[in-house]
Amino acid sequence: MPEIYKLLIFILCVILQLHKHKILIVYPPIVYGGR
């Protein structure tokens, strides 16, 4: 697997983790319930 793909996957994982925390803190639970 080329290095670039490893980097992209790593960055994606980090962004997803940050998004989880942001959603928990910023958005109301309605967004979670809607899904």
PDB file of N, CA and C in Angstrom:
ATOM      1  N   MET A   1       0.853  -1.197   0.000  1.00  0.00           N
ATOM      2  CA  MET A   1       0.000   0.000   0.000  1.00  0.00           C
ATOM      3  C   MET A   1       0.890   1.249   0.000  1.00  0.00           C
ATOM      4  N   PRO A   2       0.663   2.134  -0.947  1.00  0.00           N
ATOM      5  CA  PRO A   2       1.489   3.349  -1.014  1.00  0.00           C
ATOM      6  C   PRO A   2       1.331   4.214   0.232  1.00  0.00           C
ATOM      7  N   GLU A   3       2.372   5.000   0.501  1.00  0.00           N
ATOM      8  CA  GLU A   3       2.372   5.844   1.708  1.00  0.00           C
ATOM      9  C   GLU A   3       1.224   6.843   1.678  1.00  0.00           C
ATOM     10  N   ILE A   4       0.910   7.375   0.486  1.00  0.00           N
ATOM     11  CA  ILE A   4      -0.120   8.419   0.392  1.00  0.00           C
ATOM     12  C   ILE A   4      -1.456   7.895   0.914  1.00  0.00           C
ATOM     13  N   TYR A   5      -1.793   6.659   0.543  1.00  0.00           N
ATOM     14  CA  TYR A   5      -3.075   6.112   0.980  1.00  0.00           C
ATOM     15  C   TYR A   5      -3.093   5.941   2.489  1.00  0.00           C
ATOM     16  N   LYS A   6      -1.965   5.500   3.052  1.00  0.00           N
ATOM     17  CA  LYS A   6      -1.895   5.358   4.515  1.00  0.00           C
ATOM     18  C   LYS A   6      -2.154   6.706   5.177  1.00  0.00           C
ATOM     19  N   LEU A   7      -1.538   7.745   4.627  1.00  0.00           N
ATOM     20  CA  LEU A   7      -1.715   9.091   5.195  1.00  0.00           C
ATOM     21  C   LEU A   7      -3.177   9.514   5.102  1.00  0.00           C
ATOM     22  N   LEU A   8      -3.792   9.309   3.937  1.00  0.00           N
ATOM     23  CA  LEU A   8      -5.187   9.725   3.750  1.00  0.00           C
ATOM     24  C   LEU A   8      -6.096   9.019   4.749  1.00  0.00           C
ATOM     25  N   ILE A   9      -5.900   7.708   4.911  1.00  0.00           N
ATOM     26  CA  ILE A   9      -6.735   6.950   5.848  1.00  0.00           C
ATOM     27  C   ILE A   9      -6.537   7.469   7.262  1.00  0.00           C
ATOM     28  N   PHE A  10      -5.274   7.737   7.619  1.00  0.00           N
ATOM     29  CA  PHE A  10      -4.985   8.243   8.968  1.00  0.00           C
ATOM     30  C   PHE A  10      -5.690   9.577   9.197  1.00  0.00           C
ATOM     31  N   ILE A  11      -5.588  10.475   8.221  1.00  0.00           N
ATOM     32  CA  ILE A  11      -6.224  11.797   8.350  1.00  0.00           C
ATOM     33  C   ILE A  11      -7.741  11.638   8.452  1.00  0.00           C
ATOM     34  N   LEU A  12      -8.300  10.738   7.651  1.00  0.00           N
ATOM     35  CA  LEU A  12      -9.745  10.511   7.700  1.00  0.00           C
ATOM     36  C   LEU A  12     -10.165  10.066   9.091  1.00  0.00           C
ATOM     37  N   CYS A  13      -9.409   9.138   9.669  1.00  0.00           N
ATOM     38  CA  CYS A  13      -9.737   8.642  11.012  1.00  0.00           C
ATOM     39  C   CYS A  13      -9.701   9.783  12.022  1.00  0.00           C
ATOM     40  N   VAL A  14      -8.669  10.620  11.926  1.00  0.00           N
ATOM     41  CA  VAL A  14      -8.547  11.741  12.872  1.00  0.00           C
ATOM     42  C   VAL A  14      -9.736  12.679  12.722  1.00  0.00           C
ATOM     43  N   ILE A  15     -10.096  13.001  11.480  1.00  0.00           N
ATOM     44  CA  ILE A  15     -11.223  13.920  11.246  1.00  0.00           C
ATOM     45  C   ILE A  15     -12.510  13.321  11.808  1.00  0.00           C
ATOM     46  N   LEU A  16     -12.697  12.011  11.597  1.00  0.00           N
ATOM     47  CA  LEU A  16     -13.910  11.375  12.112  1.00  0.00           C
ATOM     48  C   LEU A  16     -13.954  11.471  13.629  1.00  0.00           C
ATOM     49  N   GLN A  17     -12.815  11.227  14.287  1.00  0.00           N
ATOM     50  CA  GLN A  17     -12.774  11.314  15.750  1.00  0.00           C
ATOM     51  C   GLN A  17     -13.146  12.720  16.201  1.00  0.00           C
ATOM     52  N   LEU A  18     -12.562  13.735  15.548  1.00  0.00           N
ATOM     53  CA  LEU A  18     -12.861  15.123  15.924  1.00  0.00           C
ATOM     54  C   LEU A  18     -14.340  15.411  15.712  1.00  0.00           C
ATOM     55  N   HIS A  19     -14.891  14.902  14.604  1.00  0.00           N
ATOM     56  CA  HIS A  19     -16.299  15.150  14.310  1.00  0.00           C
ATOM     57  C   HIS A  19     -17.191  14.561  15.396  1.00  0.00           C
ATOM     58  N   LYS A  20     -16.854  13.348  15.853  1.00  0.00           N
ATOM     59  CA  LYS A  20     -17.653  12.715  16.908  1.00  0.00           C
ATOM     60  C   LYS A  20     -17.722  13.630  18.120  1.00  0.00           C
ATOM     61  N   HIS A  21     -16.577  14.138  18.539  1.00  0.00           N
ATOM     62  CA  HIS A  21     -16.552  14.995  19.729  1.00  0.00           C
ATOM     63  C   HIS A  21     -17.321  16.288  19.464  1.00  0.00           C
ATOM     64  N   LYS A  22     -17.125  16.874  18.275  1.00  0.00           N
ATOM     65  CA  LYS A  22     -17.824  18.120  17.950  1.00  0.00           C
ATOM     66  C   LYS A  22     -19.335  17.900  17.980  1.00  0.00           C
ATOM     67  N   ILE A  23     -19.786  16.798  17.386  1.00  0.00           N
ATOM     68  CA  ILE A  23     -21.226  16.524  17.344  1.00  0.00           C
ATOM     69  C   ILE A  23     -21.760  16.380  18.767  1.00  0.00           C
ATOM     70  N   LEU A  24     -21.001  15.670  19.615  1.00  0.00           N
ATOM     71  CA  LEU A  24     -21.454  15.465  20.991  1.00  0.00           C
ATOM     72  C   LEU A  24     -21.552  16.798  21.720  1.00  0.00           C
ATOM     73  N   ILE A  25     -20.597  17.694  21.470  1.00  0.00           N
ATOM     74  CA  ILE A  25     -20.543  18.949  22.230  1.00  0.00           C
ATOM     75  C   ILE A  25     -21.467  20.002  21.624  1.00  0.00           C
ATOM     76  N   VAL A  26     -21.407  20.174  20.294  1.00  0.00           N
ATOM     77  CA  VAL A  26     -22.059  21.332  19.665  1.00  0.00           C
ATOM     78  C   VAL A  26     -23.510  21.041  19.299  1.00  0.00           C
ATOM     79  N   TYR A  27     -23.726  19.966  18.548  1.00  0.00           N
ATOM     80  CA  TYR A  27     -25.065  19.727  18.022  1.00  0.00           C
ATOM     81  C   TYR A  27     -25.978  19.127  19.084  1.00  0.00           C
ATOM     82  N   PRO A  28     -27.282  19.420  19.003  1.00  0.00           N
ATOM     83  CA  PRO A  28     -28.242  18.848  19.950  1.00  0.00           C
ATOM     84  C   PRO A  28     -28.451  17.361  19.673  1.00  0.00           C
ATOM     85  N   PRO A  29     -28.978  16.645  20.661  1.00  0.00           N
ATOM     86  CA  PRO A  29     -29.177  15.188  20.509  1.00  0.00           C
ATOM     87  C   PRO A  29     -30.157  14.854  19.389  1.00  0.00           C
ATOM     88  N   ILE A  30     -30.915  15.848  18.913  1.00  0.00           N
ATOM     89  CA  ILE A  30     -31.886  15.582  17.841  1.00  0.00           C
ATOM     90  C   ILE A  30     -31.153  15.042  16.615  1.00  0.00           C
ATOM     91  N   VAL A  31     -29.960  15.573  16.343  1.00  0.00           N
ATOM     92  CA  VAL A  31     -29.205  15.127  15.172  1.00  0.00           C
ATOM     93  C   VAL A  31     -28.894  13.643  15.313  1.00  0.00           C
ATOM     94  N   TYR A  32     -28.527  13.229  16.531  1.00  0.00           N
ATOM     95  CA  TYR A  32     -28.233  11.808  16.754  1.00  0.00           C
ATOM     96  C   TYR A  32     -29.501  10.976  16.623  1.00  0.00           C
ATOM     97  N   GLY A  33     -30.607  11.465  17.217  1.00  0.00           N
ATOM     98  CA  GLY A  33     -31.855  10.715  17.200  1.00  0.00           C
ATOM     99  C   GLY A  33     -32.394  10.572  15.780  1.00  0.00           C
ATOM    100  N   GLY A  34     -32.197  11.595  14.948  1.00  0.00           N
ATOM    101  CA  GLY A  34     -32.697  11.552  13.580  1.00  0.00           C
ATOM    102  C   GLY A  34     -32.095  10.406  12.804  1.00  0.00           C
ATOM    103  N   ARG A  35     -30.836  10.071  13.147  1.00  0.00           N
ATOM    104  CA  ARG A  35     -30.214   8.939  12.479  1.00  0.00           C
ATOM    105  C   ARG A  35     -30.664   7.687  13.184  1.00  0.00           C
TER     106      ARG A  35
END
